[in-house]
Amino acid sequence: MSASTRAPVLIVGGSGVVGSLAAKTLRRLYPDLPITIGGRDLGKARAVADELGNADAVRVDLERADLGQPGDRAYSAVVMFVKDDTLHSLAFAQARGVPYLEISTAAFELGPAVGLHAHRPHAAPILINCSWLAGAATLAALQFAREFRSVEAIEIAAVLDEQDVGGPAAFADLERQSKAIPSALVLVDGKWSWVSGPAAARVFKAVDGHEMPGQAYSLLDVLSLAAATGARSIRTDVALGESASRRRGEAFSTEIIIELTGTRHDGTTARVRHELVHPEGQAPVTAAAVAVGIERLLGLAGGPPVPPGFYLSHVIIEPSHMVRRLEEFGTRIRRA
């Protein structure tokens, strides 16, 4: 099915900072794909839809099982840029048999979504795209890991500039995920552990060599990377502070530092560092990564439409394709 003949992709929160940028990214990739911008403020949603073209806007009520949508209104996918504590949006997608993608669930919050999928495992493809910046860090790490025959350890460090937290939904996610639980999930010597206090802290070097105090963060990167690589030690740390670009007197940027330790294909051991930087901050990286998830679910790129199931990004998205898309939308990648 061509993009133009599909029902619209419903983007809930599509008038927010990251959601609107993701809609624009999707429009750039697929000019003919119908899009519906959903939100509480219909005026804001309409403004984004008008800018996109081939788009409309609807008011979405997450307190209702039907999201406030008419029974005859069809969508080809449901994409969430806000945290849905009711999970009505997931049940809505399941009832209609259409793909579902969301980016706001931490490792300790997976249970309710898993329960809905277990109840109706053949209803819809569900992409829990909730690793750092919607899979950007995990899939880049997996691409870089191809240099190795075996990977022993993976350390991901991210710098989120304090001026680049995003809109209200992104700020709410950061607050909830960093304060709702005092521990973070890491893999240490092959054993899963919830760490807190000194064990959750790590100092790493930013892209300009400046030492940053990071804190372990319980997104889903560790789950994907452990399953895909077999590495015995994995952690993701986030530092909220001043990015390297601001230290130079420029605008904020976002930084992801990926360090892998393992055995190369020639038998030598190595520790390799890669750095991803976007000069406009985290929003365009997240937007591009979400667009990759949508195009993959719908079968617009990377293979046929994804069948019903419960997925992390690494299961259905080819790492090299993600890296190409990130670079296409302005991410700079270098081997340090």
Protein backbone atom coordinates (compact mmCIF):
# COMPACT_ATOMS: atom_id res chain seq x y z
CA MET A 1 0.00 0.00 0.00
CA SER A 2 1.38 3.42 -0.93
CA ALA A 3 1.69 6.18 1.64
CA SER A 4 -1.02 8.25 -0.02
CA THR A 5 -3.70 5.54 0.18
CA ARG A 6 -3.32 4.88 3.90
CA ALA A 7 -5.50 6.14 6.69
CA PRO A 8 -3.80 8.96 8.61
CA VAL A 9 -1.13 8.38 11.23
CA LEU A 10 -2.50 9.78 14.49
CA ILE A 11 0.21 11.66 16.38
CA VAL A 12 -1.00 12.39 19.91
CA GLY A 13 0.96 15.31 21.31
CA GLY A 14 1.84 16.27 17.78
CA SER A 15 1.58 19.99 18.52
CA GLY A 16 4.28 19.84 21.20
CA VAL A 17 7.96 20.63 20.74
CA VAL A 18 9.15 17.15 19.77
CA GLY A 19 5.84 15.85 18.41
CA SER A 20 5.49 18.65 15.89
CA LEU A 21 9.10 18.21 14.77
CA ALA A 22 8.51 14.47 14.34
CA ALA A 23 5.45 15.22 12.22
CA LYS A 24 7.53 17.55 10.04
CA THR A 25 10.27 14.92 9.76
CA LEU A 26 7.73 12.32 8.68
CA ARG A 27 6.28 14.76 6.18
CA ARG A 28 9.73 15.41 4.70
CA LEU A 29 10.28 11.67 4.28
CA TYR A 30 6.76 10.91 2.99
CA PRO A 31 5.06 13.93 1.39
CA ASP A 32 1.91 11.93 0.55
CA LEU A 33 1.36 10.26 3.93
CA PRO A 34 -1.82 11.53 5.64
CA ILE A 35 -1.22 12.72 9.21
CA THR A 36 -3.62 13.66 11.98
CA ILE A 37 -2.34 15.88 14.77
CA GLY A 38 -4.07 15.02 18.04
CA GLY A 39 -4.05 17.02 21.24
CA ARG A 40 -6.07 18.69 23.96
CA ASP A 41 -5.77 22.12 22.33
CA LEU A 42 -7.45 21.85 18.95
CA GLY A 43 -6.23 25.29 17.85
CA LYS A 44 -2.58 24.38 18.37
CA ALA A 45 -3.09 21.05 16.63
CA ARG A 46 -4.71 22.73 13.65
CA ALA A 47 -1.84 25.18 13.33
CA VAL A 48 0.65 22.31 13.03
CA ALA A 49 -1.60 20.42 10.61
CA ASP A 50 -1.99 23.48 8.40
CA GLU A 51 1.78 23.91 8.28
CA LEU A 52 2.30 20.26 7.35
CA GLY A 53 -0.27 20.02 4.57
CA ASN A 54 -2.15 16.80 3.79
CA ALA A 55 -2.98 16.76 7.51
CA ASP A 56 -5.86 17.47 9.85
CA ALA A 57 -6.34 17.90 13.58
CA VAL A 58 -8.51 16.31 16.25
CA ARG A 59 -9.07 16.79 19.94
CA VAL A 60 -7.91 13.70 21.89
CA ASP A 61 -9.28 12.79 25.31
CA LEU A 62 -7.13 10.12 26.96
CA GLU A 63 -9.70 9.67 29.71
CA ARG A 64 -12.04 8.05 27.18
CA ALA A 65 -11.59 4.54 25.81
CA ASP A 66 -12.35 5.81 22.30
CA LEU A 67 -10.00 8.80 22.76
CA GLY A 68 -12.97 10.97 21.84
CA GLN A 69 -12.81 9.80 18.21
CA PRO A 70 -15.86 8.96 16.07
CA GLY A 71 -16.42 5.23 15.63
CA ASP A 72 -15.95 5.43 11.87
CA ARG A 73 -12.67 7.37 12.05
CA ALA A 74 -9.80 5.18 10.79
CA TYR A 75 -6.08 5.53 11.51
CA SER A 76 -3.10 3.58 10.20
CA ALA A 77 -1.03 4.00 13.41
CA VAL A 78 -1.18 5.62 16.84
CA VAL A 79 1.95 7.50 17.94
CA MET A 80 2.23 8.88 21.47
CA PHE A 81 4.31 11.90 22.50
CA VAL A 82 2.63 12.18 25.90
CA LYS A 83 2.53 9.71 28.77
CA ASP A 84 -0.83 7.94 28.79
CA ASP A 85 -1.41 6.74 32.34
CA THR A 86 -4.74 5.17 31.30
CA LEU A 87 -3.24 3.20 28.39
CA HIS A 88 -6.50 3.87 26.55
CA SER A 89 -4.37 4.78 23.54
CA LEU A 90 -2.77 1.32 23.45
CA ALA A 91 -6.11 -0.43 23.83
CA PHE A 92 -7.51 1.85 21.09
CA ALA A 93 -4.75 0.72 18.70
CA GLN A 94 -5.25 -2.93 19.65
CA ALA A 95 -9.00 -2.72 19.04
CA ARG A 96 -8.32 -1.40 15.53
CA GLY A 97 -5.38 -3.68 14.78
CA VAL A 98 -3.02 -0.80 13.96
CA PRO A 99 0.59 -0.18 15.04
CA TYR A 100 1.27 1.64 18.29
CA LEU A 101 4.43 3.56 19.19
CA GLU A 102 5.25 5.41 22.39
CA ILE A 103 8.41 6.95 23.86
CA SER A 104 7.64 7.68 27.52
CA THR A 105 7.90 4.42 29.46
CA ALA A 106 10.85 3.66 31.74
CA ALA A 107 12.00 0.15 32.64
CA PHE A 108 10.10 0.16 35.92
CA GLU A 109 6.85 1.15 34.15
CA LEU A 110 6.62 -1.65 31.58
CA GLY A 111 4.16 -3.88 33.45
CA PRO A 112 0.79 -2.40 32.39
CA ALA A 113 1.67 -2.36 28.68
CA VAL A 114 3.01 -5.92 28.89
CA GLY A 115 -0.26 -6.93 30.52
CA LEU A 116 -2.35 -5.48 27.70
CA HIS A 117 -0.20 -7.20 25.09
CA ALA A 118 -0.32 -10.54 26.94
CA HIS A 119 -4.12 -10.30 27.00
CA ARG A 120 -4.32 -9.66 23.25
CA PRO A 121 -0.97 -10.78 21.78
CA HIS A 122 -2.19 -10.91 18.19
CA ALA A 123 -4.04 -7.59 18.14
CA ALA A 124 -1.41 -5.07 17.00
CA PRO A 125 2.31 -4.38 16.68
CA ILE A 126 3.46 -2.41 19.75
CA LEU A 127 6.78 -0.57 19.63
CA ILE A 128 7.90 0.57 23.07
CA ASN A 129 10.44 3.01 21.66
CA CYS A 130 11.57 4.20 25.07
CA SER A 131 15.35 4.05 25.04
CA TRP A 132 17.38 7.27 25.00
CA LEU A 133 16.07 9.62 22.30
CA ALA A 134 13.69 6.98 20.93
CA GLY A 135 16.32 4.40 20.00
CA ALA A 136 19.01 6.70 18.65
CA ALA A 137 21.60 5.66 21.24
CA THR A 138 20.81 1.94 21.25
CA LEU A 139 20.76 1.46 17.48
CA ALA A 140 23.90 3.54 16.98
CA ALA A 141 25.63 1.41 19.62
CA LEU A 142 24.56 -1.76 17.82
CA GLN A 143 25.90 -0.43 14.55
CA PHE A 144 29.26 0.37 16.17
CA ALA A 145 29.29 -3.04 17.89
CA ARG A 146 29.58 -4.72 14.49
CA GLU A 147 33.28 -3.92 14.67
CA PHE A 148 33.58 -6.56 17.38
CA ARG A 149 33.38 -10.35 17.38
CA SER A 150 32.17 -10.16 20.97
CA VAL A 151 31.27 -7.22 23.20
CA GLU A 152 32.13 -7.26 26.89
CA ALA A 153 30.92 -3.86 28.09
CA ILE A 154 28.84 -0.96 26.81
CA GLU A 155 28.67 2.44 28.44
CA ILE A 156 26.39 5.12 27.08
CA ALA A 157 26.57 8.64 28.45
CA ALA A 158 24.20 11.40 27.37
CA VAL A 159 24.39 15.12 27.97
CA LEU A 160 21.01 16.81 28.14
CA ASP A 161 21.54 20.55 28.24
CA GLU A 162 19.55 22.18 31.04
CA GLN A 163 18.14 24.58 28.44
CA ASP A 164 17.04 21.66 26.23
CA VAL A 165 14.63 19.70 28.40
CA GLY A 166 11.84 20.25 25.86
CA GLY A 167 8.15 20.97 26.34
CA PRO A 168 5.85 20.13 29.26
CA ALA A 169 5.45 16.46 28.28
CA ALA A 170 9.20 15.89 28.02
CA PHE A 171 9.78 17.67 31.33
CA ALA A 172 7.11 15.53 33.00
CA ASP A 173 8.78 12.36 31.70
CA LEU A 174 12.17 13.48 33.02
CA GLU A 175 10.71 14.36 36.43
CA ARG A 176 8.80 11.10 36.75
CA GLN A 177 11.55 8.81 35.52
CA SER A 178 14.28 10.41 37.62
CA LYS A 179 12.30 10.81 40.86
CA ALA A 180 9.65 8.09 40.94
CA ILE A 181 12.19 5.40 41.78
CA PRO A 182 15.53 5.95 43.56
CA SER A 183 17.37 3.15 41.70
CA ALA A 184 18.40 2.50 38.10
CA LEU A 185 18.70 -0.80 36.22
CA VAL A 186 22.21 -1.77 35.09
CA LEU A 187 23.97 -4.97 34.08
CA VAL A 188 27.16 -5.66 36.03
CA ASP A 189 29.29 -8.74 35.35
CA GLY A 190 26.35 -10.55 33.86
CA LYS A 191 23.97 -9.80 36.74
CA TRP A 192 21.02 -7.38 36.66
CA SER A 193 21.06 -4.89 39.49
CA TRP A 194 19.11 -1.86 40.65
CA VAL A 195 21.73 0.65 41.76
CA SER A 196 21.43 3.85 43.76
CA GLY A 197 23.67 6.27 45.62
CA PRO A 198 27.39 6.13 44.69
CA ALA A 199 26.90 3.03 42.51
CA ALA A 200 24.48 4.98 40.28
CA ALA A 201 26.93 7.85 39.75
CA ARG A 202 29.56 7.98 37.01
CA VAL A 203 31.85 10.75 35.83
CA PHE A 204 32.44 10.73 32.07
CA LYS A 205 34.13 12.99 29.56
CA ALA A 206 31.92 15.11 27.32
CA VAL A 207 32.82 15.64 23.67
CA ASP A 208 35.15 18.53 24.59
CA GLY A 209 36.91 16.55 27.33
CA HIS A 210 35.05 18.30 30.15
CA GLU A 211 34.24 15.93 33.01
CA MET A 212 30.50 15.54 33.59
CA PRO A 213 28.81 13.92 36.60
CA GLY A 214 26.26 11.44 35.24
CA GLN A 215 23.55 9.40 36.88
CA ALA A 216 22.37 5.94 35.81
CA TYR A 217 19.01 6.17 34.07
CA SER A 218 16.42 3.39 33.69
CA LEU A 219 15.32 3.61 30.10
CA LEU A 220 15.19 0.51 27.91
CA ASP A 221 18.62 0.75 26.26
CA VAL A 222 20.10 -1.77 28.69
CA LEU A 223 17.42 -4.34 27.83
CA SER A 224 17.96 -4.08 24.08
CA LEU A 225 21.74 -3.99 24.25
CA ALA A 226 21.98 -6.95 26.59
CA ALA A 227 19.72 -9.07 24.41
CA ALA A 228 21.37 -8.06 21.14
CA THR A 229 25.06 -8.21 22.14
CA GLY A 230 25.42 -10.55 25.10
CA ALA A 231 27.63 -7.96 26.80
CA ARG A 232 28.16 -8.64 30.51
CA SER A 233 28.19 -5.02 31.68
CA ILE A 234 25.89 -2.28 30.37
CA ARG A 235 24.77 1.05 31.74
CA THR A 236 23.27 4.29 30.51
CA ASP A 237 24.02 7.55 32.32
CA VAL A 238 22.56 11.00 31.81
CA ALA A 239 24.04 14.33 32.83
CA LEU A 240 21.76 17.34 32.99
CA GLY A 241 23.91 20.44 32.65
CA GLU A 242 25.81 22.57 30.17
CA SER A 243 26.60 21.04 26.79
CA ALA A 244 29.98 21.49 25.15
CA SER A 245 28.59 23.94 22.60
CA ARG A 246 27.28 26.25 25.33
CA ARG A 247 30.66 26.15 27.04
CA ARG A 248 32.01 27.55 23.76
CA GLY A 249 29.44 30.36 23.87
CA GLU A 250 27.12 28.81 21.27
CA ALA A 251 23.55 27.48 21.46
CA PHE A 252 22.85 24.23 23.30
CA SER A 253 23.47 20.88 21.65
CA THR A 254 22.82 17.29 22.62
CA GLU A 255 25.59 14.72 23.05
CA ILE A 256 25.63 10.92 23.18
CA ILE A 257 28.91 9.17 24.01
CA ILE A 258 29.04 5.44 23.29
CA GLU A 259 31.98 3.39 24.56
CA LEU A 260 32.32 -0.30 23.74
CA THR A 261 34.86 -2.79 25.04
CA GLY A 262 35.34 -6.19 23.45
CA THR A 263 37.22 -8.47 21.10
CA ARG A 264 37.59 -7.50 17.47
CA HIS A 265 37.21 -9.96 14.60
CA ASP A 266 41.03 -10.25 14.38
CA GLY A 267 41.22 -11.37 18.01
CA THR A 268 42.57 -8.13 19.47
CA THR A 269 40.84 -6.40 22.36
CA ALA A 270 39.82 -2.77 22.16
CA ARG A 271 37.85 -0.01 23.80
CA VAL A 272 36.23 2.25 21.20
CA ARG A 273 34.46 5.57 21.68
CA HIS A 274 31.94 7.18 19.32
CA GLU A 275 30.30 10.56 19.79
CA LEU A 276 26.94 11.72 18.40
CA VAL A 277 26.18 15.43 18.50
CA HIS A 278 23.26 17.40 17.17
CA PRO A 279 23.80 21.18 17.18
CA GLU A 280 20.07 21.84 17.68
CA GLY A 281 19.61 19.64 20.73
CA GLN A 282 17.66 16.49 21.50
CA ALA A 283 14.38 17.27 19.71
CA PRO A 284 15.53 16.67 16.10
CA VAL A 285 17.29 13.44 17.11
CA THR A 286 14.18 12.14 18.84
CA ALA A 287 12.00 13.25 15.94
CA ALA A 288 14.13 11.44 13.38
CA ALA A 289 14.24 8.27 15.49
CA VAL A 290 10.45 8.26 15.93
CA ALA A 291 9.98 8.77 12.19
CA VAL A 292 12.17 5.70 11.61
CA GLY A 293 9.96 3.72 13.96
CA ILE A 294 6.80 4.81 12.16
CA GLU A 295 8.12 4.07 8.68
CA ARG A 296 9.28 0.64 9.84
CA LEU A 297 5.98 -0.28 11.52
CA LEU A 298 4.01 0.69 8.40
CA GLY A 299 6.39 -1.05 6.02
CA LEU A 300 7.36 2.17 4.28
CA ALA A 301 11.08 1.38 4.70
CA GLY A 302 13.17 -1.51 5.98
CA GLY A 303 10.80 -4.35 5.17
CA PRO A 304 7.11 -5.26 5.10
CA PRO A 305 4.64 -3.99 7.71
CA VAL A 306 5.48 -5.31 11.16
CA PRO A 307 3.15 -8.08 12.38
CA PRO A 308 1.46 -7.99 15.78
CA GLY A 309 3.86 -8.32 18.69
CA PHE A 310 5.58 -6.46 21.50
CA TYR A 311 8.81 -4.88 20.27
CA LEU A 312 11.85 -2.96 21.36
CA SER A 313 13.41 -0.89 18.60
CA HIS A 314 16.41 -3.17 17.97
CA VAL A 315 14.13 -6.09 17.06
CA ILE A 316 12.57 -4.45 14.02
CA ILE A 317 14.88 -1.57 12.99
CA GLU A 318 18.15 -2.10 11.14
CA PRO A 319 20.88 -0.15 13.01
CA SER A 320 22.57 1.11 9.85
CA HIS A 321 19.28 2.56 8.62
CA MET A 322 18.80 4.44 11.89
CA VAL A 323 22.33 5.84 11.71
CA ARG A 324 21.76 7.01 8.13
CA ARG A 325 18.53 8.74 9.09
CA LEU A 326 20.15 10.43 12.09
CA GLU A 327 22.91 11.80 9.87
CA GLU A 328 20.38 12.81 7.22
CA PHE A 329 18.62 14.97 9.81
CA GLY A 330 21.73 16.66 11.15
CA THR A 331 23.37 14.37 13.72
CA ARG A 332 27.16 14.49 13.54
CA ILE A 333 28.90 11.21 14.32
CA ARG A 334 32.59 10.77 14.92
CA ARG A 335 34.87 8.04 16.20
CA ALA A 336 36.95 9.57 18.97
